[in-house]
Amino acid sequence: MGLVAESISRSVIRAYREFVVGVRVKKLYPALKHGGYSATGLLPGENPAAFEKLHRDLISEHCPDGPLQEDTVFDIARLMWRKQNLETFRVAEAARERASAIRSKMIPSTTPPLDFPLLGVSSDWSPPDPADVKAATEAAEAQARKELGENYKFVEMGDLATATQMLADLEVEERLNAMIDKLFKRLAMLKAFKSLSSTKPPSSTELPRISGPKKAA
């Protein structure tokens, strides 16, 4: 194969792959809303009532007073809950791996095999029909949904339900908490300064005048 023909062939294959992959991504990863889930909070399959009980027990034990203390107790509840439910991350990983295996088995590859050692495109390979890829993608998604059941939510969430994401979220929270703490220290300093500046100085008392010695008569 000449260099020009090979270049054209690779360009066509690359354009075809981009088209098919675009279709696959749209089908497998539609726009999702997971506002109720967080790597540092509740995840699919976990019991909201049990989390609320843990939160209430911590409130009863520590009696938070005011929004700052309440927020701190809530953070304690979240981290205790995640510590007690690390198994969810393993369930999520297994679900993603199973869904990936189903896709690999059912969806025809859009990547041509390579002939070693020349690393050229195999002459026996031809790209699958995009319609066939689309149908296989839909069938793979349906199979994964059926097989995984409720755990398919982890596939839709992608990397959100991972320990890596949890650590990233905690790092952001730690920075935010440090900034909040810094602002509270500044607020306390400003309040103390204002208190000092508004305090009236004590009224000065006139010292008693000391009379000099009496003159002799």
N, C-alpha and C. Protein backbone atom coordinates (compact mmCIF):
# COMPACT_ATOMS: atom_id res chain seq x y z
N MET A 1 0.86 -1.19 0.00
CA MET A 1 0.00 0.00 0.00
C MET A 1 0.89 1.24 0.00
N GLY A 2 0.63 2.21 -0.95
CA GLY A 2 1.42 3.41 -1.00
C GLY A 2 1.16 4.31 0.18
N LEU A 3 2.07 5.25 0.37
CA LEU A 3 1.93 6.16 1.52
C LEU A 3 0.67 6.99 1.42
N VAL A 4 0.34 7.48 0.21
CA VAL A 4 -0.85 8.32 0.03
C VAL A 4 -2.10 7.51 0.30
N ALA A 5 -2.17 6.30 -0.28
CA ALA A 5 -3.35 5.45 -0.09
C ALA A 5 -3.50 5.05 1.37
N GLU A 6 -2.36 4.74 2.01
CA GLU A 6 -2.41 4.37 3.42
C GLU A 6 -2.89 5.52 4.28
N SER A 7 -2.44 6.74 3.95
CA SER A 7 -2.87 7.92 4.71
C SER A 7 -4.36 8.15 4.55
N ILE A 8 -4.86 8.01 3.32
CA ILE A 8 -6.31 8.19 3.07
C ILE A 8 -7.10 7.13 3.82
N SER A 9 -6.61 5.89 3.76
CA SER A 9 -7.31 4.79 4.44
C SER A 9 -7.41 5.04 5.94
N ARG A 10 -6.31 5.48 6.54
CA ARG A 10 -6.32 5.75 7.98
C ARG A 10 -7.25 6.92 8.31
N SER A 11 -7.30 7.93 7.45
CA SER A 11 -8.18 9.08 7.68
C SER A 11 -9.64 8.65 7.65
N VAL A 12 -9.97 7.80 6.70
CA VAL A 12 -11.35 7.31 6.60
C VAL A 12 -11.72 6.50 7.82
N ILE A 13 -10.81 5.63 8.23
CA ILE A 13 -11.06 4.79 9.40
C ILE A 13 -11.22 5.65 10.66
N ARG A 14 -10.36 6.66 10.80
CA ARG A 14 -10.44 7.54 11.97
C ARG A 14 -11.76 8.30 12.00
N ALA A 15 -12.20 8.81 10.84
CA ALA A 15 -13.48 9.53 10.78
C ALA A 15 -14.64 8.61 11.11
N TYR A 16 -14.55 7.38 10.61
CA TYR A 16 -15.61 6.42 10.88
C TYR A 16 -15.68 6.08 12.37
N ARG A 17 -14.51 5.88 12.98
CA ARG A 17 -14.47 5.56 14.41
C ARG A 17 -15.04 6.70 15.23
N GLU A 18 -14.72 7.94 14.88
CA GLU A 18 -15.23 9.08 15.63
C GLU A 18 -16.75 9.14 15.54
N PHE A 19 -17.30 8.82 14.34
CA PHE A 19 -18.75 8.84 14.17
C PHE A 19 -19.41 7.77 15.04
N VAL A 20 -18.88 6.54 14.95
CA VAL A 20 -19.49 5.43 15.68
C VAL A 20 -19.34 5.60 17.18
N VAL A 21 -18.14 6.03 17.62
CA VAL A 21 -17.92 6.24 19.05
C VAL A 21 -18.85 7.33 19.57
N GLY A 22 -19.10 8.34 18.77
CA GLY A 22 -20.03 9.39 19.18
C GLY A 22 -21.42 8.84 19.42
N VAL A 23 -21.86 7.96 18.53
CA VAL A 23 -23.18 7.32 18.70
C VAL A 23 -23.19 6.49 19.96
N ARG A 24 -22.09 5.73 20.20
CA ARG A 24 -22.02 4.84 21.36
C ARG A 24 -22.04 5.64 22.66
N VAL A 25 -21.28 6.72 22.70
CA VAL A 25 -21.23 7.53 23.92
C VAL A 25 -22.59 8.14 24.22
N LYS A 26 -23.28 8.62 23.19
CA LYS A 26 -24.61 9.21 23.41
C LYS A 26 -25.57 8.19 23.98
N LYS A 27 -25.47 6.94 23.52
CA LYS A 27 -26.40 5.92 24.00
C LYS A 27 -26.04 5.44 25.39
N LEU A 28 -24.74 5.26 25.65
CA LEU A 28 -24.34 4.65 26.92
C LEU A 28 -24.23 5.66 28.05
N TYR A 29 -23.93 6.92 27.73
CA TYR A 29 -23.73 7.92 28.77
C TYR A 29 -24.55 9.16 28.47
N PRO A 30 -25.88 9.06 28.59
CA PRO A 30 -26.71 10.25 28.36
C PRO A 30 -26.51 11.24 29.49
N ALA A 31 -27.07 12.45 29.32
CA ALA A 31 -26.97 13.47 30.37
C ALA A 31 -27.67 12.94 31.61
N LEU A 32 -26.98 12.97 32.74
CA LEU A 32 -27.49 12.39 33.99
C LEU A 32 -27.60 13.46 35.06
N LYS A 33 -28.52 13.23 35.97
CA LYS A 33 -28.64 14.10 37.14
C LYS A 33 -28.56 13.22 38.37
N HIS A 34 -27.49 13.40 39.16
CA HIS A 34 -27.29 12.59 40.36
C HIS A 34 -27.10 13.51 41.56
N GLY A 35 -27.97 14.51 41.65
CA GLY A 35 -27.84 15.46 42.74
C GLY A 35 -27.99 14.83 44.11
N GLY A 36 -28.72 13.68 44.17
CA GLY A 36 -28.94 13.04 45.46
C GLY A 36 -27.81 12.15 45.89
N TYR A 37 -26.83 11.92 45.03
CA TYR A 37 -25.74 11.01 45.34
C TYR A 37 -24.41 11.76 45.42
N SER A 38 -23.53 11.24 46.26
CA SER A 38 -22.21 11.84 46.41
C SER A 38 -21.26 10.77 46.90
N ALA A 39 -20.00 10.84 46.44
CA ALA A 39 -19.00 9.88 46.88
C ALA A 39 -18.72 10.00 48.37
N THR A 40 -19.04 11.17 48.96
CA THR A 40 -18.84 11.35 50.40
C THR A 40 -20.16 11.30 51.16
N GLY A 41 -21.23 10.90 50.47
CA GLY A 41 -22.54 10.82 51.12
C GLY A 41 -23.23 9.53 50.74
N LEU A 42 -24.53 9.60 50.51
CA LEU A 42 -25.29 8.42 50.15
C LEU A 42 -25.03 8.02 48.71
N LEU A 43 -24.98 6.72 48.46
CA LEU A 43 -24.83 6.16 47.12
C LEU A 43 -25.98 5.18 46.87
N PRO A 44 -26.24 4.82 45.60
CA PRO A 44 -27.32 3.89 45.30
C PRO A 44 -27.22 2.60 46.09
N GLY A 45 -28.36 2.12 46.54
CA GLY A 45 -28.40 0.89 47.31
C GLY A 45 -28.21 1.08 48.80
N GLU A 46 -27.81 2.26 49.23
CA GLU A 46 -27.63 2.52 50.66
C GLU A 46 -28.93 3.03 51.28
N ASN A 47 -29.04 2.85 52.57
CA ASN A 47 -30.30 3.08 53.28
C ASN A 47 -30.37 4.50 53.82
N PRO A 48 -31.21 5.37 53.23
CA PRO A 48 -31.32 6.75 53.73
C PRO A 48 -31.80 6.81 55.17
N ALA A 49 -32.70 5.90 55.55
CA ALA A 49 -33.23 5.91 56.92
C ALA A 49 -32.12 5.60 57.92
N ALA A 50 -31.23 4.67 57.57
CA ALA A 50 -30.13 4.34 58.47
C ALA A 50 -29.17 5.52 58.61
N PHE A 51 -28.95 6.24 57.51
CA PHE A 51 -28.10 7.42 57.59
C PHE A 51 -28.73 8.49 58.46
N GLU A 52 -30.03 8.70 58.31
CA GLU A 52 -30.71 9.70 59.12
C GLU A 52 -30.65 9.34 60.60
N LYS A 53 -30.75 8.05 60.90
CA LYS A 53 -30.65 7.62 62.31
C LYS A 53 -29.27 7.93 62.86
N LEU A 54 -28.24 7.64 62.07
CA LEU A 54 -26.88 7.95 62.50
C LEU A 54 -26.73 9.45 62.75
N HIS A 55 -27.27 10.25 61.86
CA HIS A 55 -27.19 11.71 62.00
C HIS A 55 -27.92 12.17 63.26
N ARG A 56 -29.12 11.65 63.48
CA ARG A 56 -29.88 12.04 64.68
C ARG A 56 -29.17 11.62 65.96
N ASP A 57 -28.57 10.43 65.94
CA ASP A 57 -27.84 9.96 67.13
C ASP A 57 -26.66 10.89 67.44
N LEU A 58 -25.97 11.35 66.42
CA LEU A 58 -24.85 12.26 66.63
C LEU A 58 -25.35 13.61 67.14
N ILE A 59 -26.48 14.05 66.64
CA ILE A 59 -27.06 15.31 67.14
C ILE A 59 -27.42 15.18 68.61
N SER A 60 -28.02 14.05 68.97
CA SER A 60 -28.40 13.84 70.37
C SER A 60 -27.17 13.77 71.27
N GLU A 61 -26.09 13.20 70.76
CA GLU A 61 -24.89 13.05 71.58
C GLU A 61 -24.14 14.36 71.75
N HIS A 62 -24.07 15.17 70.68
CA HIS A 62 -23.22 16.36 70.71
C HIS A 62 -23.98 17.67 70.85
N CYS A 63 -25.31 17.63 70.69
CA CYS A 63 -26.15 18.81 70.90
C CYS A 63 -25.58 20.06 70.20
N PRO A 64 -25.48 20.04 68.87
CA PRO A 64 -24.94 21.22 68.18
C PRO A 64 -25.84 22.44 68.36
N ASP A 65 -25.22 23.59 68.49
CA ASP A 65 -25.94 24.84 68.70
C ASP A 65 -25.53 25.83 67.61
N GLY A 66 -26.41 26.09 66.66
CA GLY A 66 -26.10 27.02 65.59
C GLY A 66 -25.69 26.31 64.31
N PRO A 67 -25.74 27.02 63.17
CA PRO A 67 -25.47 26.39 61.87
C PRO A 67 -24.06 25.84 61.72
N LEU A 68 -23.07 26.48 62.32
CA LEU A 68 -21.69 26.00 62.18
C LEU A 68 -21.51 24.65 62.86
N GLN A 69 -22.01 24.53 64.07
CA GLN A 69 -21.90 23.25 64.78
C GLN A 69 -22.76 22.18 64.11
N GLU A 70 -23.93 22.56 63.61
CA GLU A 70 -24.78 21.60 62.91
C GLU A 70 -24.11 21.08 61.65
N ASP A 71 -23.44 21.96 60.92
CA ASP A 71 -22.75 21.54 59.71
C ASP A 71 -21.59 20.60 60.04
N THR A 72 -20.91 20.86 61.15
CA THR A 72 -19.80 20.00 61.56
C THR A 72 -20.29 18.61 61.93
N VAL A 73 -21.40 18.54 62.65
CA VAL A 73 -21.96 17.24 63.02
C VAL A 73 -22.43 16.48 61.78
N PHE A 74 -22.99 17.19 60.83
CA PHE A 74 -23.42 16.55 59.58
C PHE A 74 -22.22 15.98 58.82
N ASP A 75 -21.11 16.73 58.79
CA ASP A 75 -19.90 16.22 58.15
C ASP A 75 -19.39 14.96 58.84
N ILE A 76 -19.46 14.95 60.16
CA ILE A 76 -19.05 13.76 60.91
C ILE A 76 -19.93 12.57 60.52
N ALA A 77 -21.23 12.81 60.39
CA ALA A 77 -22.16 11.73 60.00
C ALA A 77 -21.82 11.20 58.61
N ARG A 78 -21.54 12.10 57.68
CA ARG A 78 -21.22 11.67 56.31
C ARG A 78 -19.97 10.79 56.27
N LEU A 79 -18.92 11.23 56.98
CA LEU A 79 -17.67 10.48 56.93
C LEU A 79 -17.77 9.15 57.68
N MET A 80 -18.50 9.14 58.79
CA MET A 80 -18.72 7.87 59.49
C MET A 80 -19.51 6.90 58.62
N TRP A 81 -20.50 7.44 57.91
CA TRP A 81 -21.32 6.60 57.03
C TRP A 81 -20.47 6.00 55.91
N ARG A 82 -19.63 6.82 55.31
CA ARG A 82 -18.82 6.31 54.21
C ARG A 82 -17.82 5.28 54.72
N LYS A 83 -17.26 5.50 55.91
CA LYS A 83 -16.34 4.54 56.50
C LYS A 83 -17.03 3.20 56.73
N GLN A 84 -18.29 3.25 57.14
CA GLN A 84 -19.04 2.02 57.43
C GLN A 84 -19.56 1.34 56.16
N ASN A 85 -19.50 2.03 55.02
CA ASN A 85 -20.09 1.49 53.78
C ASN A 85 -19.11 1.54 52.61
N LEU A 86 -17.84 1.26 52.88
CA LEU A 86 -16.85 1.22 51.81
C LEU A 86 -17.13 0.12 50.80
N GLU A 87 -17.88 -0.89 51.20
CA GLU A 87 -18.22 -1.99 50.31
C GLU A 87 -18.96 -1.50 49.07
N THR A 88 -19.67 -0.37 49.20
CA THR A 88 -20.41 0.15 48.05
C THR A 88 -19.49 0.46 46.88
N PHE A 89 -18.29 0.95 47.16
CA PHE A 89 -17.34 1.24 46.09
C PHE A 89 -16.96 -0.05 45.34
N ARG A 90 -16.83 -1.15 46.07
CA ARG A 90 -16.48 -2.41 45.42
C ARG A 90 -17.65 -2.92 44.58
N VAL A 91 -18.87 -2.73 45.06
CA VAL A 91 -20.05 -3.11 44.28
C VAL A 91 -20.12 -2.29 43.00
N ALA A 92 -19.85 -0.99 43.12
CA ALA A 92 -19.88 -0.10 41.96
C ALA A 92 -18.83 -0.51 40.93
N GLU A 93 -17.63 -0.83 41.40
CA GLU A 93 -16.56 -1.22 40.48
C GLU A 93 -16.92 -2.51 39.75
N ALA A 94 -17.50 -3.46 40.47
CA ALA A 94 -17.90 -4.73 39.84
C ALA A 94 -18.98 -4.49 38.79
N ALA A 95 -19.92 -3.58 39.07
CA ALA A 95 -20.97 -3.28 38.11
C ALA A 95 -20.40 -2.65 36.84
N ARG A 96 -19.46 -1.72 37.01
CA ARG A 96 -18.86 -1.08 35.84
C ARG A 96 -18.07 -2.08 35.01
N GLU A 97 -17.33 -2.97 35.68
CA GLU A 97 -16.55 -3.97 34.96
C GLU A 97 -17.45 -4.94 34.20
N ARG A 98 -18.57 -5.34 34.81
CA ARG A 98 -19.49 -6.25 34.14
C ARG A 98 -20.15 -5.58 32.93
N ALA A 99 -20.54 -4.33 33.07
CA ALA A 99 -21.13 -3.61 31.95
C ALA A 99 -20.12 -3.46 30.81
N SER A 100 -18.87 -3.20 31.15
CA SER A 100 -17.83 -3.08 30.14
C SER A 100 -17.62 -4.41 29.41
N ALA A 101 -17.67 -5.52 30.15
CA ALA A 101 -17.50 -6.83 29.53
C ALA A 101 -18.65 -7.13 28.58
N ILE A 102 -19.86 -6.75 28.97
CA ILE A 102 -21.02 -6.97 28.09
C ILE A 102 -20.88 -6.16 26.81
N ARG A 103 -20.44 -4.92 26.93
CA ARG A 103 -20.27 -4.08 25.75
C ARG A 103 -19.20 -4.65 24.82
N SER A 104 -18.10 -5.08 25.42
CA SER A 104 -17.00 -5.63 24.61
C SER A 104 -17.43 -6.89 23.86
N LYS A 105 -18.30 -7.66 24.47
CA LYS A 105 -18.74 -8.91 23.86
C LYS A 105 -19.78 -8.68 22.76
N MET A 106 -20.68 -7.72 22.98
CA MET A 106 -21.82 -7.57 22.09
C MET A 106 -21.64 -6.51 21.01
N ILE A 107 -20.81 -5.52 21.24
CA ILE A 107 -20.66 -4.43 20.29
C ILE A 107 -19.46 -4.70 19.39
N PRO A 108 -19.65 -4.70 18.08
CA PRO A 108 -18.51 -4.95 17.18
C PRO A 108 -17.47 -3.85 17.29
N SER A 109 -16.21 -4.25 17.20
CA SER A 109 -15.12 -3.29 17.34
C SER A 109 -15.04 -2.37 16.14
N THR A 110 -14.82 -1.10 16.40
CA THR A 110 -14.63 -0.12 15.33
C THR A 110 -13.15 0.15 15.09
N THR A 111 -12.29 -0.59 15.79
CA THR A 111 -10.85 -0.43 15.65
C THR A 111 -10.29 -1.58 14.83
N PRO A 112 -9.65 -1.28 13.72
CA PRO A 112 -9.11 -2.37 12.89
C PRO A 112 -7.96 -3.07 13.59
N PRO A 113 -7.86 -4.39 13.44
CA PRO A 113 -6.72 -5.11 14.02
C PRO A 113 -5.45 -4.74 13.27
N LEU A 114 -4.32 -4.88 13.95
CA LEU A 114 -3.03 -4.52 13.36
C LEU A 114 -2.24 -5.77 13.03
N ASP A 115 -1.58 -5.74 11.89
CA ASP A 115 -0.71 -6.84 11.48
C ASP A 115 0.70 -6.58 11.98
N PHE A 116 1.14 -7.36 12.93
CA PHE A 116 2.51 -7.24 13.42
C PHE A 116 3.45 -8.03 12.52
N PRO A 117 4.70 -7.64 12.35
CA PRO A 117 5.34 -6.50 13.03
C PRO A 117 5.24 -5.20 12.26
N LEU A 118 4.57 -5.16 11.13
CA LEU A 118 4.54 -3.96 10.30
C LEU A 118 3.55 -2.93 10.79
N LEU A 119 2.67 -3.32 11.72
CA LEU A 119 1.68 -2.41 12.29
C LEU A 119 0.82 -1.78 11.19
N GLY A 120 0.48 -2.54 10.21
CA GLY A 120 -0.39 -2.05 9.14
C GLY A 120 -1.81 -2.54 9.36
N VAL A 121 -2.76 -1.91 8.70
CA VAL A 121 -4.15 -2.30 8.84
C VAL A 121 -4.37 -3.65 8.16
N SER A 122 -5.06 -4.54 8.84
CA SER A 122 -5.31 -5.86 8.28
C SER A 122 -6.14 -5.75 7.01
N SER A 123 -5.73 -6.47 5.99
CA SER A 123 -6.45 -6.41 4.72
C SER A 123 -7.79 -7.11 4.78
N ASP A 124 -7.99 -7.98 5.78
CA ASP A 124 -9.25 -8.73 5.90
C ASP A 124 -10.30 -7.97 6.69
N TRP A 125 -9.94 -6.82 7.26
CA TRP A 125 -10.88 -6.10 8.13
C TRP A 125 -11.67 -5.07 7.34
N SER A 126 -12.95 -4.98 7.66
CA SER A 126 -13.79 -3.93 7.09
C SER A 126 -14.65 -3.37 8.22
N PRO A 127 -14.86 -2.08 8.26
CA PRO A 127 -15.62 -1.48 9.37
C PRO A 127 -17.06 -1.97 9.39
N PRO A 128 -17.59 -2.24 10.59
CA PRO A 128 -18.98 -2.68 10.69
C PRO A 128 -19.94 -1.55 10.32
N ASP A 129 -21.13 -1.96 9.95
CA ASP A 129 -22.16 -0.98 9.59
C ASP A 129 -22.56 -0.18 10.82
N PRO A 130 -22.62 1.16 10.71
CA PRO A 130 -23.02 1.97 11.88
C PRO A 130 -24.37 1.58 12.46
N ALA A 131 -25.28 1.16 11.60
CA ALA A 131 -26.60 0.73 12.10
C ALA A 131 -26.47 -0.51 12.97
N ASP A 132 -25.57 -1.43 12.56
CA ASP A 132 -25.34 -2.63 13.36
C ASP A 132 -24.71 -2.28 14.70
N VAL A 133 -23.79 -1.33 14.68
CA VAL A 133 -23.14 -0.90 15.92
C VAL A 133 -24.17 -0.27 16.85
N LYS A 134 -25.03 0.56 16.31
CA LYS A 134 -26.07 1.21 17.12
C LYS A 134 -27.01 0.18 17.73
N ALA A 135 -27.44 -0.78 16.92
CA ALA A 135 -28.34 -1.82 17.44
C ALA A 135 -27.66 -2.67 18.50
N ALA A 136 -26.39 -3.00 18.28
CA ALA A 136 -25.66 -3.80 19.26
C ALA A 136 -25.44 -3.02 20.55
N THR A 137 -25.21 -1.71 20.42
CA THR A 137 -25.03 -0.87 21.61
C THR A 137 -26.29 -0.83 22.45
N GLU A 138 -27.43 -0.68 21.80
CA GLU A 138 -28.71 -0.67 22.51
C GLU A 138 -28.98 -2.02 23.17
N ALA A 139 -28.65 -3.10 22.45
CA ALA A 139 -28.85 -4.43 23.02
C ALA A 139 -27.94 -4.66 24.22
N ALA A 140 -26.70 -4.18 24.13
CA ALA A 140 -25.76 -4.34 25.25
C ALA A 140 -26.23 -3.55 26.46
N GLU A 141 -26.74 -2.35 26.23
CA GLU A 141 -27.25 -1.56 27.34
C GLU A 141 -28.43 -2.25 28.01
N ALA A 142 -29.34 -2.79 27.18
CA ALA A 142 -30.50 -3.49 27.72
C ALA A 142 -30.08 -4.72 28.52
N GLN A 143 -29.08 -5.44 28.01
CA GLN A 143 -28.59 -6.63 28.72
C GLN A 143 -27.96 -6.24 30.04
N ALA A 144 -27.16 -5.17 30.04
CA ALA A 144 -26.51 -4.73 31.27
C ALA A 144 -27.54 -4.27 32.30
N ARG A 145 -28.55 -3.54 31.85
CA ARG A 145 -29.61 -3.09 32.76
C ARG A 145 -30.33 -4.28 33.38
N LYS A 146 -30.63 -5.28 32.55
CA LYS A 146 -31.36 -6.45 33.03
C LYS A 146 -30.52 -7.25 34.02
N GLU A 147 -29.24 -7.41 33.70
CA GLU A 147 -28.38 -8.25 34.54
C GLU A 147 -27.99 -7.55 35.84
N LEU A 148 -27.73 -6.25 35.78
CA LEU A 148 -27.23 -5.53 36.96
C LEU A 148 -28.35 -4.99 37.83
N GLY A 149 -29.52 -4.80 37.27
CA GLY A 149 -30.64 -4.29 38.06
C GLY A 149 -30.35 -2.90 38.61
N GLU A 150 -30.59 -2.73 39.91
CA GLU A 150 -30.37 -1.44 40.55
C GLU A 150 -28.91 -0.99 40.48
N ASN A 151 -28.01 -1.95 40.40
CA ASN A 151 -26.58 -1.59 40.35
C ASN A 151 -26.18 -0.95 39.02
N TYR A 152 -27.08 -0.93 38.04
CA TYR A 152 -26.76 -0.26 36.78
C TYR A 152 -26.59 1.24 36.98
N LYS A 153 -27.16 1.76 38.07
CA LYS A 153 -26.98 3.18 38.37
C LYS A 153 -25.49 3.53 38.50
N PHE A 154 -24.70 2.60 38.99
CA PHE A 154 -23.26 2.85 39.12
C PHE A 154 -22.61 3.01 37.74
N VAL A 155 -23.13 2.29 36.75
CA VAL A 155 -22.61 2.43 35.40
C VAL A 155 -22.93 3.82 34.86
N GLU A 156 -24.16 4.28 35.10
CA GLU A 156 -24.56 5.62 34.65
C GLU A 156 -23.77 6.71 35.35
N MET A 157 -23.41 6.48 36.60
CA MET A 157 -22.69 7.49 37.37
C MET A 157 -21.22 7.59 36.97
N GLY A 158 -20.70 6.57 36.31
CA GLY A 158 -19.30 6.62 35.90
C GLY A 158 -18.36 6.65 37.09
N ASP A 159 -17.44 7.62 37.09
CA ASP A 159 -16.42 7.69 38.14
C ASP A 159 -16.90 8.37 39.41
N LEU A 160 -18.17 8.78 39.45
CA LEU A 160 -18.66 9.48 40.64
C LEU A 160 -18.62 8.58 41.87
N ALA A 161 -18.94 7.30 41.69
CA ALA A 161 -18.97 6.38 42.83
C ALA A 161 -17.66 5.61 42.92
N THR A 162 -16.56 6.32 43.17
CA THR A 162 -15.25 5.70 43.30
C THR A 162 -14.53 6.30 44.50
N ALA A 163 -13.58 5.55 45.03
CA ALA A 163 -12.78 6.07 46.14
C ALA A 163 -11.94 7.26 45.69
N THR A 164 -11.52 7.24 44.42
CA THR A 164 -10.74 8.37 43.89
C THR A 164 -11.55 9.65 43.92
N GLN A 165 -12.81 9.55 43.50
CA GLN A 165 -13.68 10.72 43.52
C GLN A 165 -13.95 11.17 44.95
N MET A 166 -14.11 10.22 45.87
CA MET A 166 -14.32 10.58 47.27
C MET A 166 -13.15 11.39 47.80
N LEU A 167 -11.92 10.92 47.51
CA LEU A 167 -10.75 11.65 47.99
C LEU A 167 -10.65 13.03 47.36
N ALA A 168 -11.02 13.13 46.09
CA ALA A 168 -11.01 14.44 45.42
C ALA A 168 -12.04 15.38 46.07
N ASP A 169 -13.22 14.86 46.36
CA ASP A 169 -14.26 15.67 47.02
C ASP A 169 -13.79 16.12 48.40
N LEU A 170 -13.17 15.19 49.14
CA LEU A 170 -12.71 15.53 50.48
C LEU A 170 -11.62 16.59 50.44
N GLU A 171 -10.78 16.55 49.43
CA GLU A 171 -9.73 17.56 49.30
C GLU A 171 -10.33 18.94 49.08
N VAL A 172 -11.35 19.00 48.23
CA VAL A 172 -12.03 20.27 48.00
C VAL A 172 -12.70 20.76 49.28
N GLU A 173 -13.38 19.84 49.98
CA GLU A 173 -14.06 20.22 51.22
C GLU A 173 -13.05 20.71 52.26
N GLU A 174 -11.90 20.05 52.31
CA GLU A 174 -10.88 20.46 53.28
C GLU A 174 -10.41 21.89 53.01
N ARG A 175 -10.24 22.22 51.75
CA ARG A 175 -9.83 23.58 51.40
C ARG A 175 -10.92 24.59 51.75
N LEU A 176 -12.17 24.22 51.47
CA LEU A 176 -13.28 25.12 51.79
C LEU A 176 -13.39 25.32 53.31
N ASN A 177 -13.23 24.23 54.06
CA ASN A 177 -13.29 24.34 55.52
C ASN A 177 -12.16 25.21 56.05
N ALA A 178 -10.97 25.10 55.45
CA ALA A 178 -9.85 25.94 55.88
C ALA A 178 -10.14 27.41 55.61
N MET A 179 -10.77 27.70 54.48
CA MET A 179 -11.13 29.08 54.17
C MET A 179 -12.20 29.60 55.12
N ILE A 180 -13.18 28.73 55.44
CA ILE A 180 -14.23 29.13 56.38
C ILE A 180 -13.62 29.41 57.75
N ASP A 181 -12.73 28.51 58.21
CA ASP A 181 -12.08 28.72 59.51
C ASP A 181 -11.30 30.04 59.53
N LYS A 182 -10.62 30.34 58.44
CA LYS A 182 -9.86 31.58 58.35
C LYS A 182 -10.76 32.79 58.44
N LEU A 183 -11.92 32.71 57.78
CA LEU A 183 -12.86 33.83 57.82
C LEU A 183 -13.48 33.99 59.20
N PHE A 184 -13.72 32.87 59.89
CA PHE A 184 -14.26 32.97 61.25
C PHE A 184 -13.24 33.62 62.18
N LYS A 185 -11.98 33.29 62.01
CA LYS A 185 -10.94 33.94 62.83
C LYS A 185 -10.88 35.43 62.55
N ARG A 186 -11.02 35.79 61.28
CA ARG A 186 -11.03 37.21 60.91
C ARG A 186 -12.24 37.90 61.49
N LEU A 187 -13.39 37.21 61.43
CA LEU A 187 -14.61 37.80 61.98
C LEU A 187 -14.47 38.03 63.48
N ALA A 188 -13.91 37.05 64.19
CA ALA A 188 -13.71 37.20 65.62
C ALA A 188 -12.77 38.36 65.93
N MET A 189 -11.72 38.52 65.13
CA MET A 189 -10.78 39.62 65.33
C MET A 189 -11.46 40.97 65.10
N LEU A 190 -12.29 41.05 64.04
CA LEU A 190 -12.99 42.30 63.75
C LEU A 190 -13.99 42.65 64.85
N LYS A 191 -14.67 41.61 65.36
CA LYS A 191 -15.62 41.86 66.45
C LYS A 191 -14.91 42.35 67.70
N ALA A 192 -13.76 41.73 68.00
CA ALA A 192 -13.00 42.16 69.18
C ALA A 192 -12.51 43.59 69.01
N PHE A 193 -12.04 43.95 67.82
CA PHE A 193 -11.58 45.30 67.56
C PHE A 193 -12.71 46.31 67.71
N LYS A 194 -13.88 45.94 67.17
CA LYS A 194 -15.03 46.83 67.27
C LYS A 194 -15.45 47.00 68.72
N SER A 195 -15.38 45.92 69.48
CA SER A 195 -15.76 45.99 70.89
C SER A 195 -14.84 46.92 71.67
N LEU A 196 -13.54 46.84 71.35
CA LEU A 196 -12.58 47.71 72.04
C LEU A 196 -12.76 49.17 71.65
N SER A 197 -13.01 49.41 70.37
CA SER A 197 -13.14 50.79 69.90
C SER A 197 -14.42 51.45 70.37
N SER A 198 -15.43 50.64 70.65
CA SER A 198 -16.71 51.22 71.09
C SER A 198 -16.80 51.39 72.60
N THR A 199 -15.81 50.84 73.32
CA THR A 199 -15.83 50.97 74.78
C THR A 199 -15.40 52.38 75.18
N LYS A 200 -16.22 53.04 75.99
CA LYS A 200 -15.90 54.40 76.43
C LYS A 200 -14.77 54.35 77.46
N PRO A 201 -13.81 55.25 77.35
CA PRO A 201 -12.73 55.28 78.35
C PRO A 201 -13.29 55.71 79.70
N PRO A 202 -12.77 55.18 80.78
CA PRO A 202 -13.29 55.56 82.12
C PRO A 202 -13.06 57.05 82.37
N SER A 203 -14.04 57.71 83.03
CA SER A 203 -13.92 59.15 83.32
C SER A 203 -12.80 59.38 84.34
N SER A 204 -11.95 60.35 84.04
CA SER A 204 -10.81 60.63 84.92
C SER A 204 -11.29 61.38 86.15
N THR A 205 -10.83 61.02 87.31
CA THR A 205 -11.18 61.69 88.57
C THR A 205 -10.10 62.70 88.92
N GLU A 206 -10.56 63.82 89.36
CA GLU A 206 -9.62 64.90 89.72
C GLU A 206 -8.88 64.54 90.99
N LEU A 207 -7.57 64.62 90.91
CA LEU A 207 -6.75 64.30 92.09
C LEU A 207 -6.92 65.38 93.16
N PRO A 208 -6.95 65.01 94.43
CA PRO A 208 -7.09 66.02 95.52
C PRO A 208 -5.85 66.93 95.55
N ARG A 209 -6.09 68.21 95.73
CA ARG A 209 -5.00 69.21 95.78
C ARG A 209 -4.34 69.14 97.17
N ILE A 210 -3.06 69.10 97.16
CA ILE A 210 -2.31 69.04 98.42
C ILE A 210 -1.88 70.46 98.77
N SER A 211 -2.33 70.89 99.93
CA SER A 211 -1.98 72.26 100.37
C SER A 211 -0.55 72.28 100.90
N GLY A 212 0.11 73.45 100.73
CA GLY A 212 1.47 73.59 101.19
C GLY A 212 1.55 73.80 102.70
N PRO A 213 2.74 73.92 103.25
CA PRO A 213 2.87 74.11 104.69
C PRO A 213 2.34 75.50 105.12
N LYS A 214 1.72 75.50 106.25
CA LYS A 214 1.21 76.79 106.78
C LYS A 214 2.33 77.70 107.20
N LYS A 215 2.12 79.00 106.97
CA LYS A 215 3.14 79.97 107.38
C LYS A 215 3.07 80.18 108.89
N ALA A 216 4.26 80.38 109.45
CA ALA A 216 4.31 80.65 110.93
C ALA A 216 3.70 81.99 111.23
N ALA A 217 3.00 82.07 112.35
CA ALA A 217 2.36 83.35 112.75
C ALA A 217 3.41 84.32 113.22
